[in-house]
Amino acid sequence: MGKPVNLNRYRKEKARAEKKARAGENAVKFGQSQAEKDAVKQRDGKTRRDLDNHELEE
């Protein structure tokens, strides 16, 4: 006789695996790499600093 299987654990592990696979597909389909996110963040920061430096002082 084989080892008993906890069906609740099996069901939850299967759901987690499916969710992770779907997340991976969506990351490829819609996502940006970390390097792209950092570049956008850096560019936005530079733009904001440049605009702040051009404000008129009263």
N, C-alpha and C. Protein backbone atom coordinates (compact mmCIF):
# COMPACT_ATOMS: atom_id res chain seq x y z
N MET A 1 0.85 -1.17 0.00
CA MET A 1 0.00 0.00 0.00
C MET A 1 0.89 1.23 0.00
N GLY A 2 0.51 2.22 -0.77
CA GLY A 2 1.30 3.44 -0.91
C GLY A 2 1.08 4.40 0.24
N LYS A 3 1.84 5.42 0.21
CA LYS A 3 1.75 6.47 1.23
C LYS A 3 0.47 7.28 1.03
N PRO A 4 -0.26 7.61 2.10
CA PRO A 4 -1.49 8.41 1.95
C PRO A 4 -1.17 9.81 1.43
N VAL A 5 -2.08 10.34 0.62
CA VAL A 5 -1.91 11.64 0.01
C VAL A 5 -2.93 12.60 0.62
N ASN A 6 -2.46 13.76 1.04
CA ASN A 6 -3.36 14.78 1.55
C ASN A 6 -3.94 15.52 0.35
N LEU A 7 -5.21 15.32 0.08
CA LEU A 7 -5.84 15.88 -1.11
C LEU A 7 -5.95 17.40 -1.04
N ASN A 8 -6.14 17.95 0.15
CA ASN A 8 -6.21 19.41 0.28
C ASN A 8 -4.87 20.03 -0.10
N ARG A 9 -3.79 19.45 0.37
CA ARG A 9 -2.47 19.97 0.05
C ARG A 9 -2.21 19.85 -1.45
N TYR A 10 -2.57 18.71 -2.03
CA TYR A 10 -2.39 18.50 -3.46
C TYR A 10 -3.16 19.55 -4.27
N ARG A 11 -4.41 19.79 -3.88
CA ARG A 11 -5.26 20.76 -4.57
C ARG A 11 -4.67 22.17 -4.50
N LYS A 12 -4.20 22.55 -3.31
CA LYS A 12 -3.63 23.89 -3.13
C LYS A 12 -2.31 24.04 -3.90
N GLU A 13 -1.48 23.01 -3.89
CA GLU A 13 -0.22 23.07 -4.64
C GLU A 13 -0.48 23.19 -6.13
N LYS A 14 -1.48 22.48 -6.61
CA LYS A 14 -1.83 22.54 -8.03
C LYS A 14 -2.32 23.94 -8.38
N ALA A 15 -3.15 24.53 -7.53
CA ALA A 15 -3.66 25.88 -7.78
C ALA A 15 -2.52 26.89 -7.78
N ARG A 16 -1.56 26.75 -6.84
CA ARG A 16 -0.42 27.66 -6.79
C ARG A 16 0.42 27.55 -8.06
N ALA A 17 0.64 26.32 -8.52
CA ALA A 17 1.44 26.11 -9.72
C ALA A 17 0.76 26.73 -10.94
N GLU A 18 -0.55 26.58 -11.06
CA GLU A 18 -1.28 27.16 -12.18
C GLU A 18 -1.23 28.69 -12.11
N LYS A 19 -1.37 29.24 -10.92
CA LYS A 19 -1.33 30.69 -10.75
C LYS A 19 0.05 31.25 -11.10
N LYS A 20 1.09 30.53 -10.70
CA LYS A 20 2.45 30.96 -10.99
C LYS A 20 2.72 30.90 -12.50
N ALA A 21 2.21 29.86 -13.16
CA ALA A 21 2.39 29.74 -14.61
C ALA A 21 1.66 30.87 -15.33
N ARG A 22 0.46 31.18 -14.89
CA ARG A 22 -0.31 32.26 -15.49
C ARG A 22 0.40 33.60 -15.27
N ALA A 23 0.96 33.80 -14.09
CA ALA A 23 1.69 35.03 -13.79
C ALA A 23 2.92 35.16 -14.69
N GLY A 24 3.59 34.05 -14.91
CA GLY A 24 4.74 34.06 -15.80
C GLY A 24 4.37 34.42 -17.23
N GLU A 25 3.27 33.87 -17.69
CA GLU A 25 2.80 34.19 -19.04
C GLU A 25 2.45 35.67 -19.15
N ASN A 26 1.78 36.20 -18.13
CA ASN A 26 1.40 37.62 -18.16
C ASN A 26 2.63 38.52 -18.07
N ALA A 27 3.63 38.10 -17.33
CA ALA A 27 4.85 38.90 -17.22
C ALA A 27 5.54 39.00 -18.58
N VAL A 28 5.54 37.91 -19.31
CA VAL A 28 6.14 37.93 -20.65
C VAL A 28 5.29 38.76 -21.59
N LYS A 29 3.99 38.63 -21.47
CA LYS A 29 3.08 39.29 -22.39
C LYS A 29 2.98 40.79 -22.14
N PHE A 30 2.88 41.21 -20.87
CA PHE A 30 2.59 42.60 -20.54
C PHE A 30 3.71 43.31 -19.80
N GLY A 31 4.62 42.56 -19.21
CA GLY A 31 5.56 43.15 -18.27
C GLY A 31 6.77 43.79 -18.90
N GLN A 32 7.50 44.47 -18.03
CA GLN A 32 8.78 45.07 -18.39
C GLN A 32 9.85 44.40 -17.53
N SER A 33 11.05 44.36 -18.05
CA SER A 33 12.14 43.81 -17.26
C SER A 33 12.50 44.82 -16.17
N GLN A 34 13.23 44.36 -15.16
CA GLN A 34 13.64 45.25 -14.07
C GLN A 34 14.52 46.37 -14.60
N ALA A 35 15.37 46.09 -15.57
CA ALA A 35 16.24 47.12 -16.14
C ALA A 35 15.41 48.20 -16.83
N GLU A 36 14.35 47.81 -17.54
CA GLU A 36 13.49 48.79 -18.19
C GLU A 36 12.77 49.65 -17.16
N LYS A 37 12.29 49.03 -16.07
CA LYS A 37 11.62 49.78 -15.02
C LYS A 37 12.56 50.79 -14.39
N ASP A 38 13.80 50.37 -14.12
CA ASP A 38 14.79 51.28 -13.53
C ASP A 38 15.10 52.44 -14.47
N ALA A 39 15.21 52.16 -15.76
CA ALA A 39 15.51 53.21 -16.73
C ALA A 39 14.37 54.23 -16.78
N VAL A 40 13.14 53.77 -16.77
CA VAL A 40 11.98 54.66 -16.79
C VAL A 40 11.95 55.51 -15.52
N LYS A 41 12.20 54.88 -14.39
CA LYS A 41 12.20 55.59 -13.12
C LYS A 41 13.29 56.67 -13.09
N GLN A 42 14.45 56.33 -13.60
CA GLN A 42 15.56 57.27 -13.63
C GLN A 42 15.25 58.43 -14.58
N ARG A 43 14.69 58.14 -15.75
CA ARG A 43 14.35 59.17 -16.72
C ARG A 43 13.28 60.11 -16.17
N ASP A 44 12.27 59.54 -15.49
CA ASP A 44 11.21 60.37 -14.90
C ASP A 44 11.77 61.26 -13.80
N GLY A 45 12.68 60.72 -13.02
CA GLY A 45 13.31 61.52 -11.96
C GLY A 45 14.10 62.68 -12.53
N LYS A 46 14.83 62.43 -13.60
CA LYS A 46 15.63 63.49 -14.24
C LYS A 46 14.71 64.56 -14.81
N THR A 47 13.63 64.15 -15.46
CA THR A 47 12.68 65.10 -16.03
C THR A 47 12.08 65.96 -14.92
N ARG A 48 11.70 65.35 -13.81
CA ARG A 48 11.11 66.09 -12.70
C ARG A 48 12.12 67.09 -12.12
N ARG A 49 13.37 66.67 -11.96
CA ARG A 49 14.41 67.57 -11.44
C ARG A 49 14.64 68.73 -12.39
N ASP A 50 14.68 68.45 -13.68
CA ASP A 50 14.88 69.51 -14.66
C ASP A 50 13.75 70.53 -14.62
N LEU A 51 12.52 70.06 -14.51
CA LEU A 51 11.38 70.97 -14.44
C LEU A 51 11.41 71.78 -13.14
N ASP A 52 11.77 71.15 -12.04
CA ASP A 52 11.85 71.87 -10.77
C ASP A 52 12.93 72.95 -10.81
N ASN A 53 14.00 72.71 -11.52
CA ASN A 53 15.07 73.69 -11.61
C ASN A 53 14.68 74.89 -12.47
N HIS A 54 13.67 74.74 -13.31
CA HIS A 54 13.26 75.82 -14.19
C HIS A 54 12.11 76.65 -13.62
N GLU A 55 11.67 76.35 -12.41
CA GLU A 55 10.59 77.12 -11.80
C GLU A 55 11.10 78.52 -11.46
N LEU A 56 10.19 79.48 -11.57
CA LEU A 56 10.53 80.85 -11.23
C LEU A 56 10.43 81.04 -9.71
N GLU A 57 11.38 81.69 -9.14
CA GLU A 57 11.37 81.98 -7.71
C GLU A 57 10.64 83.30 -7.50
N GLU A 58 9.80 83.40 -6.53
CA GLU A 58 9.10 84.66 -6.26
C GLU A 58 9.65 85.30 -5.02
